[in-house]
Each structure stands twice: as C-alpha cells, then as structure tokens.
Amino acid sequence: MIWIKTFIFLFGFIVYLFFMVNLYAKLLIKFSLVGNILKKFLSFCLYIFFSLVFFIPFFNINFFIQEFSFYYNNNDSYYYIFTITYSLICLIVIIYFNKNLVPKLKSLGYFD
C-alpha cells in the first residue's frame, strides 16, 4: 500500500511542479513590464519563494503519507527509490524550464 500512496504522491508532485514552473515564468513575464529596480526586487522575492517550492513537499510528505517516515528510515530500498525518483522529477522539470521557458525570459532580460 505504501508504494501506491508514494506513486500517487510523486505523480501529484510532477503536476504540481509543472504548474509552479509555468506560473513562475508567467509572473516573471508580468514583472518585466515594471521598472528595472522593481523588476529585480520582485524577481528576487519570487525566486526565493520558488526555490522553496521544490523542497516543501519533501518535508511535508508525512502529511500525505502517514507511514512515510517509518519506511523511509527503515527500508533502504524505499529510501533509495524515493530519493532517486524525487530527484529525477526535479531534474525533468528543470530541463523543461530551461528548454521551453528560459529563451523567452532571456529575451526579456532575465538569466543573462
């Protein structure tokens, strides 16, 4: 049962990250319309918030899967599979962001 709950959590995490990455890009595009100093300040604040988006689900997984800490601490295969899968999901979303959204943001003055 823990594997099914973990799969559901990780699938939801993929959807969540793709949504948040697209929201991040759209907000940066909106921020590019304001003045340069305000744009940099708002972008910095958004960056700090967005950096937390990747790690908050990892620390709050006990809210979704009650048995998580027991299996994560006591079952080595569960520990490695979950950690590698979580990392791969983050990597896939980062690659998607770099390939699809960064070129548009570079044209607006971000990521120079």
N, C-alpha and C. Protein backbone atom coordinates (compact mmCIF):
# COMPACT_ATOMS: atom_id res chain seq x y z
N MET A 1 0.82 -1.21 0.00
CA MET A 1 0.00 0.00 0.00
C MET A 1 0.86 1.27 0.00
N ILE A 2 2.03 1.21 0.66
CA ILE A 2 2.89 2.38 0.72
C ILE A 2 3.39 2.75 -0.68
N TRP A 3 3.61 1.75 -1.54
CA TRP A 3 4.09 2.04 -2.88
C TRP A 3 3.03 2.75 -3.71
N ILE A 4 1.79 2.38 -3.54
CA ILE A 4 0.70 3.05 -4.28
C ILE A 4 0.55 4.49 -3.82
N LYS A 5 0.58 4.70 -2.51
CA LYS A 5 0.50 6.06 -1.98
C LYS A 5 1.68 6.91 -2.44
N THR A 6 2.85 6.30 -2.48
CA THR A 6 4.04 7.02 -2.92
C THR A 6 3.93 7.37 -4.40
N PHE A 7 3.43 6.44 -5.22
CA PHE A 7 3.24 6.73 -6.64
C PHE A 7 2.26 7.88 -6.83
N ILE A 8 1.17 7.87 -6.10
CA ILE A 8 0.18 8.95 -6.21
C ILE A 8 0.79 10.28 -5.78
N PHE A 9 1.57 10.25 -4.70
CA PHE A 9 2.24 11.48 -4.25
C PHE A 9 3.20 12.00 -5.31
N LEU A 10 4.02 11.12 -5.87
CA LEU A 10 5.01 11.54 -6.86
C LEU A 10 4.35 12.02 -8.15
N PHE A 11 3.26 11.39 -8.56
CA PHE A 11 2.53 11.86 -9.73
C PHE A 11 1.95 13.25 -9.48
N GLY A 12 1.38 13.44 -8.31
CA GLY A 12 0.87 14.77 -7.94
C GLY A 12 1.99 15.79 -7.86
N PHE A 13 3.17 15.36 -7.44
CA PHE A 13 4.32 16.25 -7.36
C PHE A 13 4.75 16.71 -8.74
N ILE A 14 4.70 15.81 -9.73
CA ILE A 14 5.04 16.19 -11.10
C ILE A 14 4.09 17.27 -11.60
N VAL A 15 2.80 17.04 -11.42
CA VAL A 15 1.79 18.02 -11.87
C VAL A 15 2.00 19.35 -11.15
N TYR A 16 2.22 19.29 -9.85
CA TYR A 16 2.45 20.48 -9.04
C TYR A 16 3.66 21.27 -9.53
N LEU A 17 4.78 20.59 -9.79
CA LEU A 17 5.98 21.30 -10.22
C LEU A 17 5.83 21.91 -11.61
N PHE A 18 5.20 21.19 -12.54
CA PHE A 18 4.99 21.77 -13.86
C PHE A 18 4.09 23.00 -13.78
N PHE A 19 3.08 22.93 -12.95
CA PHE A 19 2.21 24.10 -12.77
C PHE A 19 3.00 25.26 -12.17
N MET A 20 3.79 25.00 -11.16
CA MET A 20 4.54 26.07 -10.49
C MET A 20 5.62 26.67 -11.39
N VAL A 21 6.26 25.86 -12.22
CA VAL A 21 7.28 26.38 -13.14
C VAL A 21 6.63 27.31 -14.17
N ASN A 22 5.49 26.91 -14.69
CA ASN A 22 4.79 27.77 -15.65
C ASN A 22 4.28 29.04 -14.99
N LEU A 23 3.80 28.94 -13.77
CA LEU A 23 3.36 30.12 -13.04
C LEU A 23 4.54 31.05 -12.78
N TYR A 24 5.69 30.49 -12.42
CA TYR A 24 6.90 31.27 -12.19
C TYR A 24 7.28 32.06 -13.45
N ALA A 25 7.25 31.40 -14.59
CA ALA A 25 7.60 32.07 -15.85
C ALA A 25 6.60 33.16 -16.20
N LYS A 26 5.33 32.88 -16.01
CA LYS A 26 4.30 33.89 -16.31
C LYS A 26 4.43 35.11 -15.40
N LEU A 27 4.73 34.88 -14.14
CA LEU A 27 4.91 36.01 -13.23
C LEU A 27 6.16 36.81 -13.58
N LEU A 28 7.22 36.15 -13.98
CA LEU A 28 8.41 36.88 -14.41
C LEU A 28 8.13 37.72 -15.66
N ILE A 29 7.32 37.19 -16.55
CA ILE A 29 6.94 37.95 -17.74
C ILE A 29 6.14 39.19 -17.34
N LYS A 30 5.23 39.03 -16.39
CA LYS A 30 4.46 40.19 -15.91
C LYS A 30 5.36 41.20 -15.21
N PHE A 31 6.34 40.72 -14.44
CA PHE A 31 7.25 41.62 -13.73
C PHE A 31 8.16 42.38 -14.69
N SER A 32 8.35 41.87 -15.89
CA SER A 32 9.23 42.55 -16.85
C SER A 32 8.61 43.85 -17.35
N LEU A 33 7.33 44.07 -17.09
CA LEU A 33 6.65 45.28 -17.55
C LEU A 33 6.88 46.47 -16.63
N VAL A 34 7.34 46.23 -15.40
CA VAL A 34 7.56 47.33 -14.44
C VAL A 34 8.98 47.85 -14.57
N GLY A 35 9.33 48.85 -13.79
CA GLY A 35 10.68 49.44 -13.84
C GLY A 35 11.76 48.44 -13.49
N ASN A 36 12.99 48.78 -13.85
CA ASN A 36 14.11 47.86 -13.73
C ASN A 36 14.40 47.47 -12.27
N ILE A 37 14.44 48.42 -11.37
CA ILE A 37 14.75 48.12 -9.96
C ILE A 37 13.63 47.31 -9.33
N LEU A 38 12.39 47.71 -9.58
CA LEU A 38 11.25 46.97 -9.05
C LEU A 38 11.20 45.56 -9.65
N LYS A 39 11.53 45.45 -10.92
CA LYS A 39 11.55 44.15 -11.59
C LYS A 39 12.55 43.23 -10.90
N LYS A 40 13.74 43.74 -10.60
CA LYS A 40 14.76 42.91 -9.97
C LYS A 40 14.35 42.52 -8.55
N PHE A 41 13.75 43.44 -7.81
CA PHE A 41 13.32 43.13 -6.45
C PHE A 41 12.21 42.08 -6.45
N LEU A 42 11.20 42.28 -7.29
CA LEU A 42 10.10 41.32 -7.37
C LEU A 42 10.58 39.95 -7.85
N SER A 43 11.49 39.96 -8.81
CA SER A 43 12.04 38.70 -9.31
C SER A 43 12.82 37.97 -8.24
N PHE A 44 13.57 38.72 -7.43
CA PHE A 44 14.32 38.11 -6.34
C PHE A 44 13.38 37.48 -5.31
N CYS A 45 12.34 38.21 -4.94
CA CYS A 45 11.35 37.68 -3.98
C CYS A 45 10.68 36.43 -4.54
N LEU A 46 10.34 36.47 -5.81
CA LEU A 46 9.71 35.31 -6.45
C LEU A 46 10.69 34.13 -6.51
N TYR A 47 11.95 34.41 -6.76
CA TYR A 47 12.96 33.35 -6.81
C TYR A 47 13.10 32.66 -5.44
N ILE A 48 13.12 33.44 -4.38
CA ILE A 48 13.20 32.86 -3.03
C ILE A 48 12.00 31.96 -2.77
N PHE A 49 10.81 32.45 -3.10
CA PHE A 49 9.60 31.65 -2.92
C PHE A 49 9.66 30.39 -3.77
N PHE A 50 10.07 30.53 -5.02
CA PHE A 50 10.07 29.40 -5.93
C PHE A 50 11.10 28.36 -5.53
N SER A 51 12.22 28.77 -4.96
CA SER A 51 13.21 27.80 -4.52
C SER A 51 12.66 26.90 -3.41
N LEU A 52 11.76 27.44 -2.62
CA LEU A 52 11.12 26.63 -1.58
C LEU A 52 10.11 25.65 -2.15
N VAL A 53 9.56 25.96 -3.32
CA VAL A 53 8.54 25.12 -3.95
C VAL A 53 9.07 23.72 -4.21
N PHE A 54 10.36 23.60 -4.54
CA PHE A 54 10.93 22.29 -4.83
C PHE A 54 11.07 21.42 -3.59
N PHE A 55 11.28 22.03 -2.43
CA PHE A 55 11.63 21.24 -1.25
C PHE A 55 10.52 21.11 -0.21
N ILE A 56 9.55 21.98 -0.23
CA ILE A 56 8.47 21.90 0.76
C ILE A 56 7.72 20.57 0.69
N PRO A 57 7.38 20.04 -0.49
CA PRO A 57 6.69 18.75 -0.50
C PRO A 57 7.52 17.62 0.13
N PHE A 58 8.83 17.68 -0.02
CA PHE A 58 9.67 16.64 0.55
C PHE A 58 9.59 16.64 2.08
N PHE A 59 9.54 17.82 2.67
CA PHE A 59 9.48 17.90 4.13
C PHE A 59 8.08 17.74 4.69
N ASN A 60 7.07 17.87 3.86
CA ASN A 60 5.69 17.72 4.32
C ASN A 60 5.04 16.45 3.83
N ILE A 61 5.83 15.49 3.40
CA ILE A 61 5.26 14.25 2.87
C ILE A 61 4.53 13.46 3.94
N ASN A 62 4.90 13.61 5.20
CA ASN A 62 4.19 12.89 6.27
C ASN A 62 2.73 13.30 6.35
N PHE A 63 2.42 14.49 5.87
CA PHE A 63 1.02 14.92 5.83
C PHE A 63 0.22 14.08 4.83
N PHE A 64 0.87 13.66 3.74
CA PHE A 64 0.19 12.88 2.70
C PHE A 64 0.28 11.39 2.95
N ILE A 65 1.44 10.93 3.40
CA ILE A 65 1.66 9.50 3.64
C ILE A 65 2.10 9.34 5.09
N GLN A 66 1.20 8.84 5.94
CA GLN A 66 1.48 8.76 7.37
C GLN A 66 2.61 7.79 7.70
N GLU A 67 2.75 6.71 6.94
CA GLU A 67 3.77 5.70 7.23
C GLU A 67 5.12 6.06 6.60
N PHE A 68 5.19 7.21 5.97
CA PHE A 68 6.38 7.54 5.19
C PHE A 68 7.66 7.51 6.01
N SER A 69 7.68 8.15 7.15
CA SER A 69 8.93 8.24 7.92
C SER A 69 9.40 6.86 8.38
N PHE A 70 8.47 5.97 8.70
CA PHE A 70 8.86 4.62 9.11
C PHE A 70 9.56 3.91 7.96
N TYR A 71 8.94 3.90 6.77
CA TYR A 71 9.54 3.21 5.63
C TYR A 71 10.80 3.91 5.14
N TYR A 72 10.79 5.21 5.15
CA TYR A 72 11.93 5.98 4.66
C TYR A 72 13.16 5.74 5.54
N ASN A 73 12.96 5.61 6.83
CA ASN A 73 14.09 5.41 7.76
C ASN A 73 14.51 3.95 7.91
N ASN A 74 13.59 3.01 7.70
CA ASN A 74 13.88 1.61 7.98
C ASN A 74 14.04 0.73 6.76
N ASN A 75 13.59 1.17 5.61
CA ASN A 75 13.64 0.35 4.41
C ASN A 75 14.59 1.01 3.41
N ASP A 76 15.76 0.42 3.23
CA ASP A 76 16.77 1.03 2.36
C ASP A 76 16.30 1.13 0.92
N SER A 77 15.63 0.11 0.41
CA SER A 77 15.18 0.18 -0.98
C SER A 77 14.15 1.29 -1.17
N TYR A 78 13.25 1.46 -0.23
CA TYR A 78 12.28 2.54 -0.31
C TYR A 78 12.98 3.90 -0.26
N TYR A 79 13.96 4.02 0.61
CA TYR A 79 14.73 5.26 0.75
C TYR A 79 15.40 5.64 -0.58
N TYR A 80 16.10 4.68 -1.18
CA TYR A 80 16.83 4.97 -2.42
C TYR A 80 15.88 5.22 -3.59
N ILE A 81 14.87 4.40 -3.71
CA ILE A 81 13.93 4.58 -4.83
C ILE A 81 13.20 5.91 -4.72
N PHE A 82 12.75 6.26 -3.54
CA PHE A 82 12.04 7.52 -3.38
C PHE A 82 12.96 8.71 -3.63
N THR A 83 14.15 8.69 -3.06
CA THR A 83 15.08 9.81 -3.21
C THR A 83 15.50 9.99 -4.67
N ILE A 84 15.79 8.90 -5.35
CA ILE A 84 16.19 8.99 -6.76
C ILE A 84 15.03 9.47 -7.62
N THR A 85 13.83 8.96 -7.37
CA THR A 85 12.66 9.38 -8.15
C THR A 85 12.35 10.84 -7.91
N TYR A 86 12.40 11.28 -6.69
CA TYR A 86 12.16 12.69 -6.36
C TYR A 86 13.17 13.58 -7.08
N SER A 87 14.44 13.16 -7.07
CA SER A 87 15.49 13.94 -7.74
C SER A 87 15.29 13.96 -9.25
N LEU A 88 14.91 12.83 -9.83
CA LEU A 88 14.67 12.78 -11.28
C LEU A 88 13.50 13.66 -11.69
N ILE A 89 12.47 13.70 -10.88
CA ILE A 89 11.33 14.57 -11.18
C ILE A 89 11.79 16.03 -11.18
N CYS A 90 12.55 16.41 -10.19
CA CYS A 90 13.08 17.79 -10.15
C CYS A 90 13.95 18.07 -11.35
N LEU A 91 14.78 17.12 -11.75
CA LEU A 91 15.66 17.30 -12.90
C LEU A 91 14.85 17.46 -14.19
N ILE A 92 13.83 16.66 -14.38
CA ILE A 92 12.98 16.75 -15.57
C ILE A 92 12.31 18.11 -15.66
N VAL A 93 11.80 18.59 -14.55
CA VAL A 93 11.13 19.90 -14.55
C VAL A 93 12.14 21.02 -14.82
N ILE A 94 13.34 20.92 -14.29
CA ILE A 94 14.36 21.93 -14.54
C ILE A 94 14.77 21.93 -16.02
N ILE A 95 14.91 20.75 -16.62
CA ILE A 95 15.23 20.67 -18.05
C ILE A 95 14.10 21.27 -18.88
N TYR A 96 12.85 20.96 -18.53
CA TYR A 96 11.70 21.55 -19.23
C TYR A 96 11.74 23.07 -19.14
N PHE A 97 12.02 23.59 -17.96
CA PHE A 97 12.09 25.04 -17.77
C PHE A 97 13.19 25.65 -18.63
N ASN A 98 14.36 25.02 -18.63
CA ASN A 98 15.49 25.56 -19.40
C ASN A 98 15.25 25.50 -20.91
N LYS A 99 14.63 24.46 -21.39
CA LYS A 99 14.42 24.31 -22.83
C LYS A 99 13.25 25.14 -23.34
N ASN A 100 12.17 25.22 -22.59
CA ASN A 100 10.95 25.83 -23.10
C ASN A 100 10.69 27.25 -22.62
N LEU A 101 11.11 27.60 -21.43
CA LEU A 101 10.73 28.89 -20.87
C LEU A 101 11.87 29.89 -20.76
N VAL A 102 13.08 29.41 -20.58
CA VAL A 102 14.22 30.33 -20.43
C VAL A 102 14.48 31.17 -21.68
N PRO A 103 14.38 30.64 -22.90
CA PRO A 103 14.61 31.51 -24.07
C PRO A 103 13.70 32.74 -24.10
N LYS A 104 12.44 32.57 -23.77
CA LYS A 104 11.51 33.71 -23.72
C LYS A 104 11.92 34.68 -22.62
N LEU A 105 12.31 34.15 -21.47
CA LEU A 105 12.71 35.01 -20.36
C LEU A 105 14.03 35.72 -20.63
N LYS A 106 14.93 35.06 -21.37
CA LYS A 106 16.19 35.73 -21.73
C LYS A 106 15.93 36.93 -22.63
N SER A 107 14.95 36.82 -23.51
CA SER A 107 14.63 37.94 -24.39
C SER A 107 14.06 39.12 -23.61
N LEU A 108 13.57 38.87 -22.39
CA LEU A 108 13.02 39.93 -21.55
C LEU A 108 14.04 40.46 -20.55
N GLY A 109 15.27 39.95 -20.59
CA GLY A 109 16.32 40.47 -19.73
C GLY A 109 16.62 39.62 -18.50
N TYR A 110 16.03 38.46 -18.38
CA TYR A 110 16.32 37.56 -17.27
C TYR A 110 17.39 36.56 -17.68
N PHE A 111 18.07 36.00 -16.70
CA PHE A 111 19.05 34.92 -16.90
C PHE A 111 20.16 35.30 -17.89
N ASP A 112 20.67 36.50 -17.76
CA ASP A 112 21.76 36.92 -18.65
C ASP A 112 23.09 36.43 -18.15
